[in-house]
Amino acid sequence: MDFQHFLEYVPHFAQAKLPAMEAHLKMAPFERMESLKNAFSGNKDPRMAAVMMLFYPKNGMTHLVLIVRNAYEGVHSGQIAFPGGKWETEDEDFSVTALRETHEEVGIRPSQMEIIKLFTPTYIPPSNFMVYPYLGICKEEVCFVLDPTEVSSIIELPLSVFLSDKIIIEAKLTTSYAENISVPAFDIEGHVVWGATAMMLSELKDVLKSVLEAEKC
């Protein structure tokens, strides 16, 4: 979709009702559902983080940026994610976290980004994080500058590809909590995107499609 056309829908995205768990469960691994239900049982006291679901123009067309995390000793090694990271005590709120971390990871200044809407917070059991995802836009073409300590590369995903159901798959994976399990996932440029990022993508996709389809009527 042409980015200027996309911008016409932004006010509707901001007002849209969030499908929340209904959208998340479409892409939640079956083995994780019980832990999601019991996310706050006991004394888990989850850590907080925020990410940016950022749309921007590339050659005039609407794109969504994702990052490929570096390999490291941890549960999220090498995974596909949104730019973002941990909440710091000096952050006024989670939107500040999303803006700051996006700047640190991919080099886009906070002044270049506009926050549109907070989506449904998502709990990640393996790392005990509660993640606050924000829909944001950058109205100008951007030059990404990656933090090599955090980010291996980026994926610039065209909106038309993201909205296609052809990228939804079932994948066999070995995870931090189970071996050789079948999980719902997105196939994005050959990368299997699953877990929390897939759940957030699912809600984002449902909201965009509901608005775009409603406006066609």
N, C-alpha and C. Protein backbone atom coordinates (compact mmCIF):
# COMPACT_ATOMS: atom_id res chain seq x y z
N MET A 1 0.84 -1.20 0.00
CA MET A 1 0.00 0.00 0.00
C MET A 1 0.87 1.24 0.00
N ASP A 2 0.48 2.22 -0.80
CA ASP A 2 1.15 3.51 -0.82
C ASP A 2 1.10 4.11 0.59
N PHE A 3 2.23 4.68 1.05
CA PHE A 3 2.29 5.15 2.43
C PHE A 3 1.37 6.33 2.69
N GLN A 4 1.22 7.21 1.73
CA GLN A 4 0.31 8.35 1.92
C GLN A 4 -1.13 7.86 2.08
N HIS A 5 -1.47 6.80 1.37
CA HIS A 5 -2.79 6.19 1.53
C HIS A 5 -2.92 5.55 2.92
N PHE A 6 -1.86 4.90 3.35
CA PHE A 6 -1.83 4.27 4.67
C PHE A 6 -2.08 5.31 5.77
N LEU A 7 -1.49 6.48 5.62
CA LEU A 7 -1.64 7.53 6.63
C LEU A 7 -3.09 7.95 6.82
N GLU A 8 -3.90 7.82 5.78
CA GLU A 8 -5.32 8.19 5.88
C GLU A 8 -6.06 7.29 6.87
N TYR A 9 -5.55 6.08 7.07
CA TYR A 9 -6.20 5.13 7.97
C TYR A 9 -5.71 5.24 9.41
N VAL A 10 -4.64 5.96 9.63
CA VAL A 10 -4.04 6.01 10.96
C VAL A 10 -5.02 6.43 12.06
N PRO A 11 -5.85 7.46 11.85
CA PRO A 11 -6.82 7.82 12.90
C PRO A 11 -7.78 6.67 13.24
N HIS A 12 -8.10 5.85 12.25
CA HIS A 12 -8.99 4.70 12.49
C HIS A 12 -8.25 3.60 13.26
N PHE A 13 -6.96 3.41 12.96
CA PHE A 13 -6.18 2.44 13.74
C PHE A 13 -6.14 2.87 15.21
N ALA A 14 -5.99 4.18 15.45
CA ALA A 14 -5.90 4.69 16.81
C ALA A 14 -7.18 4.44 17.60
N GLN A 15 -8.32 4.43 16.92
CA GLN A 15 -9.61 4.26 17.60
C GLN A 15 -10.10 2.82 17.61
N ALA A 16 -9.40 1.93 16.93
CA ALA A 16 -9.88 0.56 16.77
C ALA A 16 -9.89 -0.21 18.10
N LYS A 17 -10.86 -1.08 18.23
CA LYS A 17 -10.93 -1.96 19.40
C LYS A 17 -9.89 -3.06 19.26
N LEU A 18 -9.21 -3.38 20.33
CA LEU A 18 -8.18 -4.40 20.29
C LEU A 18 -8.78 -5.79 20.55
N PRO A 19 -8.45 -6.76 19.70
CA PRO A 19 -8.96 -8.12 19.92
C PRO A 19 -8.27 -8.84 21.07
N ALA A 20 -7.12 -8.35 21.50
CA ALA A 20 -6.41 -8.85 22.68
C ALA A 20 -6.20 -10.37 22.62
N MET A 21 -6.62 -11.09 23.67
CA MET A 21 -6.33 -12.51 23.78
C MET A 21 -6.86 -13.30 22.59
N GLU A 22 -7.97 -12.87 22.02
CA GLU A 22 -8.54 -13.56 20.85
C GLU A 22 -7.52 -13.64 19.72
N ALA A 23 -6.81 -12.54 19.48
CA ALA A 23 -5.78 -12.51 18.44
C ALA A 23 -4.53 -13.24 18.90
N HIS A 24 -4.14 -13.06 20.17
CA HIS A 24 -2.93 -13.70 20.67
C HIS A 24 -3.01 -15.22 20.60
N LEU A 25 -4.17 -15.77 20.94
CA LEU A 25 -4.30 -17.22 20.99
C LEU A 25 -4.18 -17.87 19.62
N LYS A 26 -4.44 -17.12 18.55
CA LYS A 26 -4.27 -17.67 17.20
C LYS A 26 -2.84 -18.11 16.96
N MET A 27 -1.89 -17.42 17.60
CA MET A 27 -0.47 -17.70 17.35
C MET A 27 0.26 -18.16 18.60
N ALA A 28 -0.46 -18.51 19.64
CA ALA A 28 0.18 -18.96 20.88
C ALA A 28 0.46 -20.46 20.80
N PRO A 29 1.69 -20.89 21.07
CA PRO A 29 1.99 -22.32 21.12
C PRO A 29 1.10 -23.01 22.16
N PHE A 30 0.56 -24.18 21.81
CA PHE A 30 -0.35 -24.89 22.72
C PHE A 30 0.30 -25.12 24.07
N GLU A 31 1.59 -25.50 24.07
CA GLU A 31 2.30 -25.81 25.30
C GLU A 31 2.48 -24.59 26.20
N ARG A 32 2.32 -23.40 25.63
CA ARG A 32 2.52 -22.19 26.42
C ARG A 32 1.21 -21.68 27.03
N MET A 33 0.07 -22.18 26.57
CA MET A 33 -1.21 -21.60 27.00
C MET A 33 -1.40 -21.69 28.51
N GLU A 34 -1.00 -22.82 29.12
CA GLU A 34 -1.18 -22.96 30.55
C GLU A 34 -0.34 -21.95 31.31
N SER A 35 0.89 -21.73 30.84
CA SER A 35 1.76 -20.77 31.52
C SER A 35 1.24 -19.35 31.33
N LEU A 36 0.58 -19.09 30.20
CA LEU A 36 -0.01 -17.77 30.00
C LEU A 36 -1.16 -17.55 30.99
N LYS A 37 -1.96 -18.58 31.20
CA LYS A 37 -3.07 -18.47 32.15
C LYS A 37 -2.55 -18.23 33.57
N ASN A 38 -1.39 -18.82 33.88
CA ASN A 38 -0.85 -18.72 35.23
C ASN A 38 0.31 -17.72 35.31
N ALA A 39 0.27 -16.72 34.44
CA ALA A 39 1.41 -15.79 34.31
C ALA A 39 1.78 -15.13 35.64
N PHE A 40 0.79 -14.84 36.47
CA PHE A 40 1.08 -14.09 37.68
C PHE A 40 0.83 -14.90 38.95
N SER A 41 0.83 -16.23 38.80
CA SER A 41 0.70 -17.06 40.00
C SER A 41 2.02 -17.03 40.77
N GLY A 42 1.96 -17.17 42.06
CA GLY A 42 3.18 -17.16 42.86
C GLY A 42 3.78 -15.77 42.93
N ASN A 43 5.11 -15.70 42.96
CA ASN A 43 5.81 -14.43 43.12
C ASN A 43 6.67 -14.12 41.90
N LYS A 44 6.08 -14.19 40.72
CA LYS A 44 6.84 -14.01 39.49
C LYS A 44 7.38 -12.60 39.34
N ASP A 45 6.58 -11.58 39.67
CA ASP A 45 7.02 -10.19 39.58
C ASP A 45 7.75 -9.94 38.26
N PRO A 46 7.03 -9.95 37.13
CA PRO A 46 7.69 -9.87 35.82
C PRO A 46 8.44 -8.57 35.61
N ARG A 47 9.52 -8.65 34.84
CA ARG A 47 10.23 -7.47 34.40
C ARG A 47 9.45 -6.82 33.27
N MET A 48 9.69 -5.52 33.06
CA MET A 48 8.92 -4.77 32.08
C MET A 48 9.76 -4.38 30.87
N ALA A 49 9.13 -4.38 29.70
CA ALA A 49 9.80 -3.98 28.48
C ALA A 49 8.76 -3.37 27.54
N ALA A 50 9.23 -2.70 26.50
CA ALA A 50 8.34 -2.12 25.50
C ALA A 50 8.98 -2.24 24.14
N VAL A 51 8.13 -2.41 23.11
CA VAL A 51 8.62 -2.53 21.74
C VAL A 51 7.83 -1.59 20.83
N MET A 52 8.40 -1.34 19.66
CA MET A 52 7.79 -0.45 18.69
C MET A 52 7.41 -1.22 17.43
N MET A 53 6.13 -1.21 17.08
CA MET A 53 5.64 -1.79 15.83
C MET A 53 5.57 -0.63 14.83
N LEU A 54 6.68 -0.39 14.16
CA LEU A 54 6.87 0.85 13.41
C LEU A 54 6.66 0.68 11.92
N PHE A 55 5.74 1.49 11.39
CA PHE A 55 5.49 1.56 9.94
C PHE A 55 6.14 2.82 9.39
N TYR A 56 6.64 2.71 8.17
CA TYR A 56 7.37 3.81 7.55
C TYR A 56 7.36 3.62 6.04
N PRO A 57 7.67 4.67 5.28
CA PRO A 57 7.71 4.53 3.82
C PRO A 57 9.07 4.07 3.31
N LYS A 58 9.06 3.19 2.35
CA LYS A 58 10.26 2.80 1.61
C LYS A 58 9.90 2.77 0.14
N ASN A 59 10.54 3.63 -0.64
CA ASN A 59 10.18 3.80 -2.06
C ASN A 59 8.68 4.10 -2.21
N GLY A 60 8.15 4.84 -1.25
CA GLY A 60 6.76 5.26 -1.31
C GLY A 60 5.76 4.25 -0.77
N MET A 61 6.20 3.02 -0.50
CA MET A 61 5.30 1.96 -0.04
C MET A 61 5.45 1.72 1.46
N THR A 62 4.38 1.25 2.09
CA THR A 62 4.35 1.04 3.54
C THR A 62 5.10 -0.22 3.94
N HIS A 63 6.00 -0.09 4.92
CA HIS A 63 6.78 -1.21 5.43
C HIS A 63 6.72 -1.24 6.96
N LEU A 64 6.97 -2.43 7.50
CA LEU A 64 7.06 -2.65 8.95
C LEU A 64 8.45 -3.20 9.24
N VAL A 65 9.13 -2.64 10.25
CA VAL A 65 10.49 -3.09 10.54
C VAL A 65 10.50 -4.13 11.67
N LEU A 66 11.28 -5.19 11.45
CA LEU A 66 11.56 -6.20 12.46
C LEU A 66 13.07 -6.33 12.57
N ILE A 67 13.54 -6.80 13.70
CA ILE A 67 14.98 -6.99 13.87
C ILE A 67 15.29 -8.48 14.05
N VAL A 68 16.51 -8.85 13.64
CA VAL A 68 17.03 -10.19 13.89
C VAL A 68 18.04 -10.04 15.02
N ARG A 69 17.75 -10.62 16.16
CA ARG A 69 18.63 -10.47 17.31
C ARG A 69 19.91 -11.29 17.13
N ASN A 70 21.00 -10.79 17.71
CA ASN A 70 22.26 -11.51 17.69
C ASN A 70 22.13 -12.83 18.45
N ALA A 71 23.00 -13.78 18.09
CA ALA A 71 23.09 -15.03 18.84
C ALA A 71 23.81 -14.78 20.16
N TYR A 72 23.26 -15.31 21.25
CA TYR A 72 23.86 -15.16 22.56
C TYR A 72 23.34 -16.26 23.47
N GLU A 73 23.86 -16.35 24.66
CA GLU A 73 23.40 -17.35 25.62
C GLU A 73 22.13 -16.85 26.29
N GLY A 74 20.98 -17.17 25.71
CA GLY A 74 19.72 -16.71 26.28
C GLY A 74 18.55 -17.26 25.48
N VAL A 75 17.35 -17.14 26.05
CA VAL A 75 16.16 -17.76 25.44
C VAL A 75 15.73 -17.07 24.16
N HIS A 76 16.15 -15.82 23.93
CA HIS A 76 15.72 -15.10 22.73
C HIS A 76 16.83 -14.96 21.70
N SER A 77 17.87 -15.77 21.82
CA SER A 77 19.01 -15.72 20.91
C SER A 77 18.58 -15.93 19.46
N GLY A 78 18.98 -15.01 18.58
CA GLY A 78 18.74 -15.15 17.15
C GLY A 78 17.30 -14.99 16.71
N GLN A 79 16.42 -14.63 17.60
CA GLN A 79 15.00 -14.55 17.25
C GLN A 79 14.66 -13.27 16.51
N ILE A 80 13.53 -13.32 15.82
CA ILE A 80 12.97 -12.14 15.15
C ILE A 80 12.10 -11.41 16.17
N ALA A 81 12.22 -10.09 16.20
CA ALA A 81 11.49 -9.30 17.20
C ALA A 81 11.22 -7.91 16.66
N PHE A 82 10.43 -7.17 17.41
CA PHE A 82 10.30 -5.74 17.17
C PHE A 82 11.44 -5.03 17.88
N PRO A 83 11.87 -3.89 17.36
CA PRO A 83 12.85 -3.12 18.14
C PRO A 83 12.26 -2.71 19.47
N GLY A 84 13.06 -2.80 20.51
CA GLY A 84 12.59 -2.46 21.85
C GLY A 84 13.47 -3.08 22.90
N GLY A 85 13.08 -2.91 24.15
CA GLY A 85 13.90 -3.46 25.23
C GLY A 85 13.36 -3.13 26.61
N LYS A 86 14.23 -3.27 27.60
CA LYS A 86 13.83 -3.17 29.00
C LYS A 86 13.44 -1.75 29.40
N TRP A 87 12.44 -1.67 30.26
CA TRP A 87 12.07 -0.41 30.91
C TRP A 87 13.16 -0.03 31.90
N GLU A 88 13.52 1.24 31.90
CA GLU A 88 14.50 1.77 32.85
C GLU A 88 13.79 2.73 33.82
N THR A 89 14.30 2.85 35.01
CA THR A 89 13.63 3.66 36.04
C THR A 89 13.46 5.11 35.63
N GLU A 90 14.35 5.62 34.77
CA GLU A 90 14.22 7.01 34.34
C GLU A 90 13.17 7.21 33.25
N ASP A 91 12.63 6.12 32.69
CA ASP A 91 11.59 6.23 31.66
C ASP A 91 10.28 6.69 32.29
N GLU A 92 9.73 7.77 31.76
CA GLU A 92 8.48 8.32 32.30
C GLU A 92 7.33 7.33 32.17
N ASP A 93 7.28 6.63 31.04
CA ASP A 93 6.28 5.58 30.84
C ASP A 93 6.83 4.61 29.80
N PHE A 94 6.04 3.59 29.45
CA PHE A 94 6.54 2.56 28.55
C PHE A 94 6.70 3.05 27.12
N SER A 95 5.96 4.09 26.73
CA SER A 95 6.15 4.64 25.39
C SER A 95 7.55 5.24 25.25
N VAL A 96 8.05 5.84 26.33
CA VAL A 96 9.41 6.38 26.33
C VAL A 96 10.42 5.25 26.17
N THR A 97 10.14 4.12 26.83
CA THR A 97 11.00 2.95 26.68
C THR A 97 11.06 2.49 25.23
N ALA A 98 9.89 2.39 24.59
CA ALA A 98 9.83 1.94 23.20
C ALA A 98 10.59 2.88 22.28
N LEU A 99 10.42 4.18 22.47
CA LEU A 99 11.11 5.18 21.65
C LEU A 99 12.62 5.12 21.87
N ARG A 100 13.03 5.08 23.13
CA ARG A 100 14.46 5.07 23.46
C ARG A 100 15.15 3.82 22.93
N GLU A 101 14.54 2.67 23.17
CA GLU A 101 15.16 1.42 22.75
C GLU A 101 15.18 1.29 21.23
N THR A 102 14.16 1.78 20.55
CA THR A 102 14.16 1.74 19.08
C THR A 102 15.31 2.60 18.54
N HIS A 103 15.50 3.75 19.15
CA HIS A 103 16.62 4.61 18.76
C HIS A 103 17.95 3.89 18.98
N GLU A 104 18.10 3.26 20.14
CA GLU A 104 19.36 2.59 20.46
C GLU A 104 19.63 1.40 19.53
N GLU A 105 18.58 0.67 19.16
CA GLU A 105 18.79 -0.57 18.41
C GLU A 105 18.88 -0.35 16.90
N VAL A 106 18.07 0.58 16.35
CA VAL A 106 18.07 0.73 14.89
C VAL A 106 18.32 2.16 14.43
N GLY A 107 18.58 3.09 15.36
CA GLY A 107 19.06 4.41 15.00
C GLY A 107 18.03 5.44 14.60
N ILE A 108 16.75 5.16 14.81
CA ILE A 108 15.71 6.14 14.48
C ILE A 108 15.47 7.03 15.70
N ARG A 109 15.62 8.33 15.52
CA ARG A 109 15.46 9.26 16.64
C ARG A 109 14.01 9.29 17.13
N PRO A 110 13.79 9.47 18.44
CA PRO A 110 12.42 9.58 18.96
C PRO A 110 11.62 10.68 18.27
N SER A 111 12.26 11.78 17.89
CA SER A 111 11.56 12.88 17.23
C SER A 111 11.05 12.50 15.84
N GLN A 112 11.59 11.43 15.26
CA GLN A 112 11.14 10.97 13.95
C GLN A 112 9.91 10.08 14.04
N MET A 113 9.62 9.58 15.23
CA MET A 113 8.54 8.61 15.40
C MET A 113 7.33 9.24 16.09
N GLU A 114 6.17 8.75 15.73
CA GLU A 114 4.92 9.19 16.35
C GLU A 114 4.19 7.97 16.91
N ILE A 115 3.91 7.99 18.20
CA ILE A 115 3.16 6.91 18.84
C ILE A 115 1.68 7.05 18.47
N ILE A 116 1.10 5.95 18.00
CA ILE A 116 -0.31 5.95 17.60
C ILE A 116 -1.19 5.28 18.65
N LYS A 117 -0.74 4.13 19.16
CA LYS A 117 -1.63 3.36 20.05
C LYS A 117 -0.84 2.30 20.80
N LEU A 118 -1.21 2.10 22.06
CA LEU A 118 -0.69 0.98 22.83
C LEU A 118 -1.55 -0.25 22.54
N PHE A 119 -0.90 -1.35 22.18
CA PHE A 119 -1.62 -2.60 21.97
C PHE A 119 -1.59 -3.43 23.25
N THR A 120 -2.16 -4.61 23.21
CA THR A 120 -2.31 -5.43 24.42
C THR A 120 -0.95 -5.92 24.94
N PRO A 121 -0.62 -5.64 26.20
CA PRO A 121 0.63 -6.15 26.77
C PRO A 121 0.68 -7.68 26.68
N THR A 122 1.88 -8.20 26.44
CA THR A 122 2.07 -9.63 26.21
C THR A 122 3.09 -10.19 27.19
N TYR A 123 2.71 -11.25 27.89
CA TYR A 123 3.61 -11.87 28.85
C TYR A 123 4.45 -12.95 28.17
N ILE A 124 5.76 -12.98 28.48
CA ILE A 124 6.67 -13.98 27.91
C ILE A 124 7.16 -14.87 29.06
N PRO A 125 6.59 -16.07 29.21
CA PRO A 125 6.94 -16.93 30.34
C PRO A 125 8.42 -17.31 30.43
N PRO A 126 9.10 -17.69 29.33
CA PRO A 126 10.49 -18.16 29.48
C PRO A 126 11.43 -17.12 30.10
N SER A 127 11.20 -15.83 29.77
CA SER A 127 12.09 -14.79 30.30
C SER A 127 11.43 -13.94 31.38
N ASN A 128 10.14 -14.24 31.69
CA ASN A 128 9.38 -13.51 32.72
C ASN A 128 9.35 -12.01 32.45
N PHE A 129 9.04 -11.65 31.19
CA PHE A 129 8.88 -10.25 30.81
C PHE A 129 7.42 -9.97 30.45
N MET A 130 6.94 -8.80 30.86
CA MET A 130 5.69 -8.26 30.34
C MET A 130 6.08 -7.18 29.33
N VAL A 131 5.63 -7.35 28.08
CA VAL A 131 6.04 -6.46 26.99
C VAL A 131 4.87 -5.59 26.56
N TYR A 132 5.12 -4.28 26.47
CA TYR A 132 4.11 -3.31 26.04
C TYR A 132 4.41 -2.91 24.60
N PRO A 133 3.55 -3.35 23.64
CA PRO A 133 3.81 -3.05 22.23
C PRO A 133 3.07 -1.79 21.77
N TYR A 134 3.79 -0.89 21.13
CA TYR A 134 3.21 0.36 20.63
C TYR A 134 3.21 0.38 19.10
N LEU A 135 2.08 0.77 18.55
CA LEU A 135 2.01 1.06 17.12
C LEU A 135 2.56 2.46 16.90
N GLY A 136 3.51 2.58 15.99
CA GLY A 136 4.10 3.88 15.70
C GLY A 136 4.30 4.07 14.21
N ILE A 137 4.49 5.30 13.79
CA ILE A 137 4.77 5.60 12.39
C ILE A 137 5.94 6.56 12.29
N CYS A 138 6.64 6.47 11.20
CA CYS A 138 7.68 7.44 10.83
C CYS A 138 7.28 7.92 9.45
N LYS A 139 7.03 9.20 9.28
CA LYS A 139 6.45 9.71 8.04
C LYS A 139 7.47 9.91 6.93
N GLU A 140 8.74 9.80 7.26
CA GLU A 140 9.78 9.97 6.26
C GLU A 140 10.59 8.67 6.11
N GLU A 141 11.21 8.51 4.95
CA GLU A 141 12.09 7.36 4.77
C GLU A 141 13.22 7.45 5.79
N VAL A 142 13.66 6.30 6.27
CA VAL A 142 14.63 6.27 7.36
C VAL A 142 15.93 5.59 6.92
N CYS A 143 16.98 5.95 7.59
CA CYS A 143 18.28 5.30 7.40
C CYS A 143 18.60 4.55 8.69
N PHE A 144 18.53 3.26 8.65
CA PHE A 144 18.75 2.45 9.85
C PHE A 144 20.23 2.38 10.19
N VAL A 145 20.53 2.55 11.48
CA VAL A 145 21.88 2.39 12.00
C VAL A 145 21.78 1.37 13.13
N LEU A 146 22.27 0.17 12.89
CA LEU A 146 22.05 -0.94 13.82
C LEU A 146 23.09 -0.95 14.94
N ASP A 147 22.63 -1.30 16.14
CA ASP A 147 23.53 -1.53 17.26
C ASP A 147 24.08 -2.95 17.12
N PRO A 148 25.36 -3.10 16.77
CA PRO A 148 25.90 -4.44 16.49
C PRO A 148 25.92 -5.36 17.70
N THR A 149 25.82 -4.80 18.90
CA THR A 149 25.80 -5.65 20.09
C THR A 149 24.44 -6.29 20.32
N GLU A 150 23.40 -5.72 19.71
CA GLU A 150 22.04 -6.20 19.92
C GLU A 150 21.40 -6.80 18.67
N VAL A 151 21.71 -6.22 17.51
CA VAL A 151 20.96 -6.51 16.30
C VAL A 151 21.89 -7.05 15.21
N SER A 152 21.51 -8.21 14.66
CA SER A 152 22.29 -8.81 13.58
C SER A 152 21.92 -8.18 12.23
N SER A 153 20.62 -7.99 12.01
CA SER A 153 20.13 -7.41 10.76
C SER A 153 18.68 -7.00 10.96
N ILE A 154 18.11 -6.37 9.94
CA ILE A 154 16.69 -5.99 10.01
C ILE A 154 15.93 -6.62 8.86
N ILE A 155 14.63 -6.71 9.04
CA ILE A 155 13.71 -7.14 7.99
C ILE A 155 12.78 -5.98 7.70
N GLU A 156 12.73 -5.54 6.47
CA GLU A 156 11.81 -4.48 6.06
C GLU A 156 10.64 -5.16 5.36
N LEU A 157 9.56 -5.36 6.10
CA LEU A 157 8.42 -6.17 5.65
C LEU A 157 7.36 -5.30 4.98
N PRO A 158 7.10 -5.50 3.69
CA PRO A 158 6.04 -4.73 3.03
C PRO A 158 4.67 -5.03 3.66
N LEU A 159 3.85 -4.01 3.80
CA LEU A 159 2.52 -4.19 4.39
C LEU A 159 1.72 -5.24 3.62
N SER A 160 1.82 -5.24 2.31
CA SER A 160 1.06 -6.19 1.49
C SER A 160 1.42 -7.63 1.83
N VAL A 161 2.69 -7.88 2.11
CA VAL A 161 3.13 -9.23 2.49
C VAL A 161 2.63 -9.57 3.89
N PHE A 162 2.74 -8.63 4.81
CA PHE A 162 2.29 -8.85 6.18
C PHE A 162 0.81 -9.20 6.25
N LEU A 163 -0.01 -8.55 5.43
CA LEU A 163 -1.45 -8.78 5.47
C LEU A 163 -1.88 -10.07 4.79
N SER A 164 -0.98 -10.70 4.06
CA SER A 164 -1.31 -11.94 3.36
C SER A 164 -1.35 -13.12 4.34
N ASP A 165 -2.36 -13.98 4.20
CA ASP A 165 -2.44 -15.17 5.04
C ASP A 165 -1.47 -16.26 4.60
N LYS A 166 -0.81 -16.07 3.46
CA LYS A 166 0.12 -17.07 2.96
C LYS A 166 1.36 -17.20 3.85
N ILE A 167 1.63 -16.18 4.68
CA ILE A 167 2.83 -16.24 5.52
C ILE A 167 2.57 -16.94 6.86
N ILE A 168 1.33 -17.38 7.11
CA ILE A 168 1.01 -18.10 8.34
C ILE A 168 1.25 -19.59 8.13
N ILE A 169 2.05 -20.19 9.01
CA ILE A 169 2.44 -21.59 8.86
C ILE A 169 2.36 -22.33 10.19
N GLU A 170 2.55 -23.64 10.14
CA GLU A 170 2.81 -24.46 11.32
C GLU A 170 4.26 -24.90 11.23
N ALA A 171 5.02 -24.73 12.30
CA ALA A 171 6.44 -25.07 12.28
C ALA A 171 6.77 -26.02 13.41
N LYS A 172 7.74 -26.90 13.17
CA LYS A 172 8.25 -27.81 14.20
C LYS A 172 9.49 -27.17 14.82
N LEU A 173 9.46 -26.97 16.14
CA LEU A 173 10.56 -26.30 16.81
C LEU A 173 10.93 -27.01 18.11
N THR A 174 12.16 -26.81 18.53
CA THR A 174 12.59 -27.17 19.87
C THR A 174 12.79 -25.87 20.62
N THR A 175 12.07 -25.70 21.72
CA THR A 175 12.04 -24.45 22.45
C THR A 175 12.71 -24.61 23.81
N SER A 176 12.64 -23.55 24.60
CA SER A 176 13.22 -23.59 25.95
C SER A 176 12.41 -24.48 26.89
N TYR A 177 11.19 -24.85 26.49
CA TYR A 177 10.33 -25.62 27.39
C TYR A 177 9.79 -26.91 26.78
N ALA A 178 10.11 -27.21 25.52
CA ALA A 178 9.62 -28.43 24.90
C ALA A 178 10.44 -28.75 23.65
N GLU A 179 10.45 -30.04 23.27
CA GLU A 179 11.20 -30.48 22.10
C GLU A 179 10.25 -30.91 20.99
N ASN A 180 10.62 -30.56 19.76
CA ASN A 180 9.91 -30.99 18.56
C ASN A 180 8.40 -30.77 18.65
N ILE A 181 8.02 -29.54 18.96
CA ILE A 181 6.61 -29.22 19.07
C ILE A 181 6.16 -28.45 17.82
N SER A 182 4.87 -28.55 17.53
CA SER A 182 4.28 -27.83 16.41
C SER A 182 3.72 -26.52 16.92
N VAL A 183 4.14 -25.40 16.31
CA VAL A 183 3.69 -24.09 16.75
C VAL A 183 3.17 -23.28 15.57
N PRO A 184 2.15 -22.45 15.78
CA PRO A 184 1.74 -21.52 14.73
C PRO A 184 2.79 -20.43 14.60
N ALA A 185 3.06 -20.01 13.38
CA ALA A 185 4.13 -19.05 13.17
C ALA A 185 3.91 -18.27 11.88
N PHE A 186 4.71 -17.22 11.72
CA PHE A 186 4.77 -16.48 10.46
C PHE A 186 6.07 -16.86 9.75
N ASP A 187 5.98 -17.09 8.45
CA ASP A 187 7.17 -17.30 7.62
C ASP A 187 7.49 -15.96 6.97
N ILE A 188 8.50 -15.27 7.49
CA ILE A 188 8.85 -13.93 7.01
C ILE A 188 10.27 -13.97 6.46
N GLU A 189 10.36 -13.90 5.15
CA GLU A 189 11.65 -13.93 4.45
C GLU A 189 12.50 -15.13 4.88
N GLY A 190 11.82 -16.28 5.05
CA GLY A 190 12.53 -17.50 5.43
C GLY A 190 12.77 -17.65 6.91
N HIS A 191 12.42 -16.65 7.69
CA HIS A 191 12.55 -16.72 9.15
C HIS A 191 11.23 -17.21 9.76
N VAL A 192 11.33 -18.11 10.72
CA VAL A 192 10.15 -18.57 11.46
C VAL A 192 9.94 -17.64 12.65
N VAL A 193 8.85 -16.90 12.62
CA VAL A 193 8.54 -15.93 13.68
C VAL A 193 7.41 -16.51 14.52
N TRP A 194 7.69 -16.78 15.78
CA TRP A 194 6.72 -17.47 16.62
C TRP A 194 6.72 -16.85 18.03
N GLY A 195 5.94 -17.45 18.93
CA GLY A 195 5.93 -16.98 20.31
C GLY A 195 5.35 -15.59 20.47
N ALA A 196 5.93 -14.81 21.38
CA ALA A 196 5.37 -13.51 21.73
C ALA A 196 5.32 -12.55 20.55
N THR A 197 6.37 -12.53 19.72
CA THR A 197 6.36 -11.63 18.57
C THR A 197 5.24 -12.00 17.61
N ALA A 198 5.04 -13.31 17.38
CA ALA A 198 3.94 -13.74 16.52
C ALA A 198 2.58 -13.35 17.10
N MET A 199 2.45 -13.44 18.41
CA MET A 199 1.18 -13.06 19.05
C MET A 199 0.91 -11.57 18.89
N MET A 200 1.95 -10.75 19.04
CA MET A 200 1.77 -9.31 18.84
C MET A 200 1.49 -8.99 17.38
N LEU A 201 2.18 -9.69 16.47
CA LEU A 201 1.92 -9.51 15.04
C LEU A 201 0.48 -9.89 14.70
N SER A 202 -0.03 -10.93 15.35
CA SER A 202 -1.39 -11.38 15.09
C SER A 202 -2.41 -10.31 15.45
N GLU A 203 -2.23 -9.67 16.61
CA GLU A 203 -3.16 -8.61 17.00
C GLU A 203 -3.03 -7.41 16.07
N LEU A 204 -1.80 -7.05 15.73
CA LEU A 204 -1.59 -5.93 14.81
C LEU A 204 -2.25 -6.22 13.47
N LYS A 205 -2.06 -7.42 12.96
CA LYS A 205 -2.63 -7.79 11.66
C LYS A 205 -4.16 -7.75 11.71
N ASP A 206 -4.75 -8.28 12.79
CA ASP A 206 -6.21 -8.28 12.91
C ASP A 206 -6.77 -6.86 12.93
N VAL A 207 -6.11 -5.96 13.65
CA VAL A 207 -6.58 -4.58 13.73
C VAL A 207 -6.47 -3.89 12.37
N LEU A 208 -5.34 -4.04 11.71
CA LEU A 208 -5.17 -3.41 10.40
C LEU A 208 -6.20 -3.92 9.40
N LYS A 209 -6.37 -5.25 9.36
CA LYS A 209 -7.30 -5.82 8.39
C LYS A 209 -8.74 -5.41 8.67
N SER A 210 -9.11 -5.34 9.96
CA SER A 210 -10.49 -4.96 10.30
C SER A 210 -10.78 -3.53 9.88
N VAL A 211 -9.81 -2.64 10.08
CA VAL A 211 -10.01 -1.24 9.68
C VAL A 211 -10.03 -1.11 8.16
N LEU A 212 -9.08 -1.71 7.49
CA LEU A 212 -8.98 -1.59 6.04
C LEU A 212 -10.21 -2.18 5.36
N GLU A 213 -10.69 -3.32 5.87
CA GLU A 213 -11.87 -3.93 5.27
C GLU A 213 -13.13 -3.13 5.55
N ALA A 214 -13.22 -2.55 6.75
CA ALA A 214 -14.39 -1.74 7.10
C ALA A 214 -14.47 -0.48 6.23
N GLU A 215 -13.31 0.11 5.94
CA GLU A 215 -13.29 1.34 5.15
C GLU A 215 -13.62 1.10 3.68
N LYS A 216 -13.49 -0.16 3.23
CA LYS A 216 -13.83 -0.49 1.85
C LYS A 216 -15.35 -0.55 1.65
N CYS A 217 -16.07 -0.82 2.75
CA CYS A 217 -17.53 -0.99 2.65
C CYS A 217 -18.24 0.35 2.42
